[in-house]
C-alpha atoms as a PDB file:
ATOM      1  CA  GLN A   1     -19.096-165.406 111.565  1.00  0.00           C
ATOM      2  CA  VAL A   2     -18.833-162.349 113.755  1.00  0.00           C
ATOM      3  CA  HIS A   3     -15.728-161.835 115.793  1.00  0.00           C
ATOM      4  CA  LEU A   4     -14.330-158.964 117.917  1.00  0.00           C
ATOM      5  CA  VAL A   5     -10.758-159.274 118.849  1.00  0.00           C
ATOM      6  CA  GLU A   6      -9.290-157.030 121.402  1.00  0.00           C
ATOM      7  CA  SER A   7      -5.312-156.273 121.568  1.00  0.00           C
ATOM      8  CA  GLY A   8      -2.844-153.644 123.131  1.00  0.00           C
ATOM      9  CA  GLY A   9      -3.260-154.531 126.742  1.00  0.00           C
ATOM     10  CA  ASP A  10       0.091-154.581 128.718  1.00  0.00           C
ATOM     11  CA  LEU A  11       1.828-153.939 131.949  1.00  0.00           C
ATOM     12  CA  VAL A  12       2.582-150.236 132.383  1.00  0.00           C
ATOM     13  CA  GLN A  13       3.790-148.005 135.157  1.00  0.00           C
ATOM     14  CA  SER A  14       1.298-145.449 136.756  1.00  0.00           C
ATOM     15  CA  GLY A  15       1.039-142.315 134.630  1.00  0.00           C
ATOM     16  CA  GLY A  16       1.659-144.260 131.451  1.00  0.00           C
ATOM     17  CA  SER A  17      -0.561-144.861 128.336  1.00  0.00           C
ATOM     18  CA  LEU A  18      -1.786-147.630 126.309  1.00  0.00           C
ATOM     19  CA  ARG A  19      -3.794-147.875 123.134  1.00  0.00           C
ATOM     20  CA  LEU A  20      -6.317-150.765 122.842  1.00  0.00           C
ATOM     21  CA  SER A  21      -7.656-151.886 119.522  1.00  0.00           C
ATOM     22  CA  CYS A  22     -10.816-153.817 118.825  1.00  0.00           C
ATOM     23  CA  VAL A  23     -10.958-155.387 115.296  1.00  0.00           C
ATOM     24  CA  GLY A  24     -14.198-156.584 113.829  1.00  0.00           C
ATOM     25  CA  SER A  25     -14.431-159.330 111.305  1.00  0.00           C
ATOM     26  CA  GLY A  26     -17.718-160.990 109.649  1.00  0.00           C
ATOM     27  CA  PHE A  27     -19.629-157.675 109.798  1.00  0.00           C
ATOM     28  CA  ILE A  28     -19.151-154.035 109.128  1.00  0.00           C
ATOM     29  CA  LEU A  29     -18.241-152.332 112.488  1.00  0.00           C
ATOM     30  CA  ASP A  30     -19.313-148.826 110.941  1.00  0.00           C
ATOM     31  CA  ASP A  31     -23.047-150.118 111.395  1.00  0.00           C
ATOM     32  CA  TYR A  32     -22.500-150.788 115.057  1.00  0.00           C
ATOM     33  CA  ALA A  33     -22.388-148.875 118.287  1.00  0.00           C
ATOM     34  CA  VAL A  34     -19.183-150.091 120.034  1.00  0.00           C
ATOM     35  CA  GLY A  35     -18.299-149.976 123.674  1.00  0.00           C
ATOM     36  CA  TRP A  36     -15.223-150.556 125.809  1.00  0.00           C
ATOM     37  CA  PHE A  37     -15.910-152.284 129.026  1.00  0.00           C
ATOM     38  CA  ARG A  38     -13.634-153.484 131.911  1.00  0.00           C
ATOM     39  CA  GLN A  39     -13.812-155.745 134.567  1.00  0.00           C
ATOM     40  CA  ALA A  40     -11.345-156.049 137.768  1.00  0.00           C
ATOM     41  CA  PRO A  41     -11.039-159.008 139.969  1.00  0.00           C
ATOM     42  CA  GLY A  42     -13.931-159.219 142.223  1.00  0.00           C
ATOM     43  CA  LYS A  43     -15.857-156.312 140.694  1.00  0.00           C
ATOM     44  CA  GLU A  44     -18.647-156.117 138.238  1.00  0.00           C
ATOM     45  CA  ARG A  45     -18.121-155.210 134.554  1.00  0.00           C
ATOM     46  CA  GLU A  46     -18.350-151.504 133.879  1.00  0.00           C
ATOM     47  CA  ALA A  47     -18.687-149.315 130.922  1.00  0.00           C
ATOM     48  CA  VAL A  48     -15.672-147.172 130.058  1.00  0.00           C
ATOM     49  CA  SER A  49     -16.488-145.486 126.753  1.00  0.00           C
ATOM     50  CA  LEU A  50     -18.537-145.974 123.919  1.00  0.00           C
ATOM     51  CA  ILE A  51     -18.957-144.586 120.391  1.00  0.00           C
ATOM     52  CA  SER A  52     -22.107-144.194 118.262  1.00  0.00           C
ATOM     53  CA  SER A  53     -22.435-145.582 114.668  1.00  0.00           C
ATOM     54  CA  TYR A  54     -24.888-142.817 113.867  1.00  0.00           C
ATOM     55  CA  ASP A  55     -22.681-139.751 114.217  1.00  0.00           C
ATOM     56  CA  GLY A  56     -19.604-140.811 115.985  1.00  0.00           C
ATOM     57  CA  SER A  57     -20.396-139.260 119.165  1.00  0.00           C
ATOM     58  CA  THR A  58     -18.783-140.557 122.244  1.00  0.00           C
ATOM     59  CA  PHE A  59     -19.387-141.098 125.941  1.00  0.00           C
ATOM     60  CA  SER A  60     -16.931-141.830 128.658  1.00  0.00           C
ATOM     61  CA  ALA A  61     -17.984-142.932 132.078  1.00  0.00           C
ATOM     62  CA  GLY A  62     -16.641-141.900 135.555  1.00  0.00           C
ATOM     63  CA  SER A  63     -12.866-141.812 135.835  1.00  0.00           C
ATOM     64  CA  ALA A  64     -12.305-142.352 132.035  1.00  0.00           C
ATOM     65  CA  LYS A  65     -13.461-138.865 131.394  1.00  0.00           C
ATOM     66  CA  GLY A  66     -10.616-136.590 130.431  1.00  0.00           C
ATOM     67  CA  ARG A  67      -8.259-139.508 130.318  1.00  0.00           C
ATOM     68  CA  PHE A  68      -9.475-142.135 127.763  1.00  0.00           C
ATOM     69  CA  THR A  69     -10.590-141.244 124.175  1.00  0.00           C
ATOM     70  CA  ILE A  70     -12.424-143.753 121.902  1.00  0.00           C
ATOM     71  CA  SER A  71     -12.296-143.529 118.325  1.00  0.00           C
ATOM     72  CA  ARG A  72     -12.920-145.556 115.260  1.00  0.00           C
ATOM     73  CA  ASP A  73     -11.201-146.213 111.768  1.00  0.00           C
ATOM     74  CA  ASN A  74     -14.033-147.573 109.629  1.00  0.00           C
ATOM     75  CA  ALA A  75     -11.592-148.298 106.819  1.00  0.00           C
ATOM     76  CA  LYS A  76      -9.928-150.756 109.205  1.00  0.00           C
ATOM     77  CA  ASN A  77     -13.034-152.104 110.830  1.00  0.00           C
ATOM     78  CA  THR A  78     -11.469-150.987 114.088  1.00  0.00           C
ATOM     79  CA  VAL A  79     -12.292-149.077 117.328  1.00  0.00           C
ATOM     80  CA  TYR A  80      -9.538-147.839 119.556  1.00  0.00           C
ATOM     81  CA  LEU A  81      -9.320-146.780 123.245  1.00  0.00           C
ATOM     82  CA  GLN A  82      -6.547-144.311 124.014  1.00  0.00           C
ATOM     83  CA  MET A  83      -5.890-144.428 127.650  1.00  0.00           C
ATOM     84  CA  ASN A  84      -3.528-141.903 129.302  1.00  0.00           C
ATOM     85  CA  SER A  85      -2.604-141.082 132.863  1.00  0.00           C
ATOM     86  CA  LEU A  86      -3.223-144.619 133.947  1.00  0.00           C
ATOM     87  CA  THR A  87      -3.466-145.514 137.503  1.00  0.00           C
ATOM     88  CA  PRO A  88      -3.429-148.930 139.433  1.00  0.00           C
ATOM     89  CA  GLU A  89      -7.238-148.466 139.628  1.00  0.00           C
ATOM     90  CA  ASP A  90      -7.517-149.025 135.782  1.00  0.00           C
ATOM     91  CA  THR A  91      -6.108-152.494 136.138  1.00  0.00           C
ATOM     92  CA  ALA A  92      -8.742-154.805 134.502  1.00  0.00           C
ATOM     93  CA  VAL A  93      -9.467-156.980 131.767  1.00  0.00           C
ATOM     94  CA  TYR A  94     -10.884-154.738 128.968  1.00  0.00           C
ATOM     95  CA  TYR A  95     -13.540-156.005 126.556  1.00  0.00           C
ATOM     96  CA  CYS A  96     -14.968-154.352 123.427  1.00  0.00           C
ATOM     97  CA  ALA A  97     -18.581-155.024 122.604  1.00  0.00           C
ATOM     98  CA  ALA A  98     -20.787-154.061 119.405  1.00  0.00           C
ATOM     99  CA  VAL A  99     -24.495-153.834 118.933  1.00  0.00           C
ATOM    100  CA  TYR A 100     -26.227-153.052 115.674  1.00  0.00           C
ATOM    101  CA  ALA A 101     -27.557-149.338 115.560  1.00  0.00           C
ATOM    102  CA  ASP A 102     -28.980-147.407 112.735  1.00  0.00           C
ATOM    103  CA  SER A 103     -30.042-144.469 114.975  1.00  0.00           C
ATOM    104  CA  ASP A 104     -28.558-142.168 117.602  1.00  0.00           C
ATOM    105  CA  TYR A 105     -28.094-144.992 120.100  1.00  0.00           C
ATOM    106  CA  HIS A 106     -25.827-144.840 123.122  1.00  0.00           C
ATOM    107  CA  PRO A 107     -25.879-148.200 124.976  1.00  0.00           C
ATOM    108  CA  ILE A 108     -24.158-147.911 128.324  1.00  0.00           C
ATOM    109  CA  TYR A 109     -25.374-151.126 129.651  1.00  0.00           C
ATOM    110  CA  SER A 110     -23.464-154.553 128.887  1.00  0.00           C
ATOM    111  CA  SER A 111     -26.772-156.269 128.417  1.00  0.00           C
ATOM    112  CA  GLU A 112     -27.430-154.072 125.478  1.00  0.00           C
ATOM    113  CA  TYR A 113     -24.631-155.382 123.370  1.00  0.00           C
ATOM    114  CA  GLN A 114     -24.902-158.256 120.914  1.00  0.00           C
ATOM    115  CA  TYR A 115     -21.241-159.249 120.431  1.00  0.00           C
ATOM    116  CA  TRP A 116     -18.251-159.396 122.697  1.00  0.00           C
ATOM    117  CA  GLY A 117     -14.546-159.913 122.488  1.00  0.00           C
ATOM    118  CA  ARG A 118     -12.419-162.118 124.708  1.00  0.00           C
ATOM    119  CA  GLY A 119     -10.751-159.145 126.367  1.00  0.00           C
ATOM    120  CA  THR A 120      -7.272-157.974 126.857  1.00  0.00           C
ATOM    121  CA  GLN A 121      -5.456-157.441 130.044  1.00  0.00           C
ATOM    122  CA  VAL A 122      -4.197-154.111 131.307  1.00  0.00           C
ATOM    123  CA  THR A 123      -2.008-153.902 134.379  1.00  0.00           C
ATOM    124  CA  VAL A 124      -1.012-150.695 135.885  1.00  0.00           C
ATOM    125  CA  SER A 125       1.800-150.811 138.421  1.00  0.00           C
ATOM    126  CA  SER A 126       2.264-148.230 141.072  1.00  0.00           C
END
């Protein structure tokens, strides 16, 4: 059975850092493009960063650029999201998602993903 489990969410002060982890089980995460999404109260889910299975290339959206870094450790079947210079606007539930991809595929819409974790809460205080 396929599972994605996020961890690492916490309460942090503005300007602080967190590293989120997404561990896959029941499948080889290396064969999948993986994305991080977030959803704040009253807002739609939005893409944050994604990493390709094909060549490990990455994409970060909007305010994540220059502050967030996505990476993967295939030996641990894990994808990370390193978040620096956090602001209260980053407060949200963060989800990881995966979709099988054997080509250079960069899915930026949540509807493109097959599997989802349950999320981890990130709260940034001012």
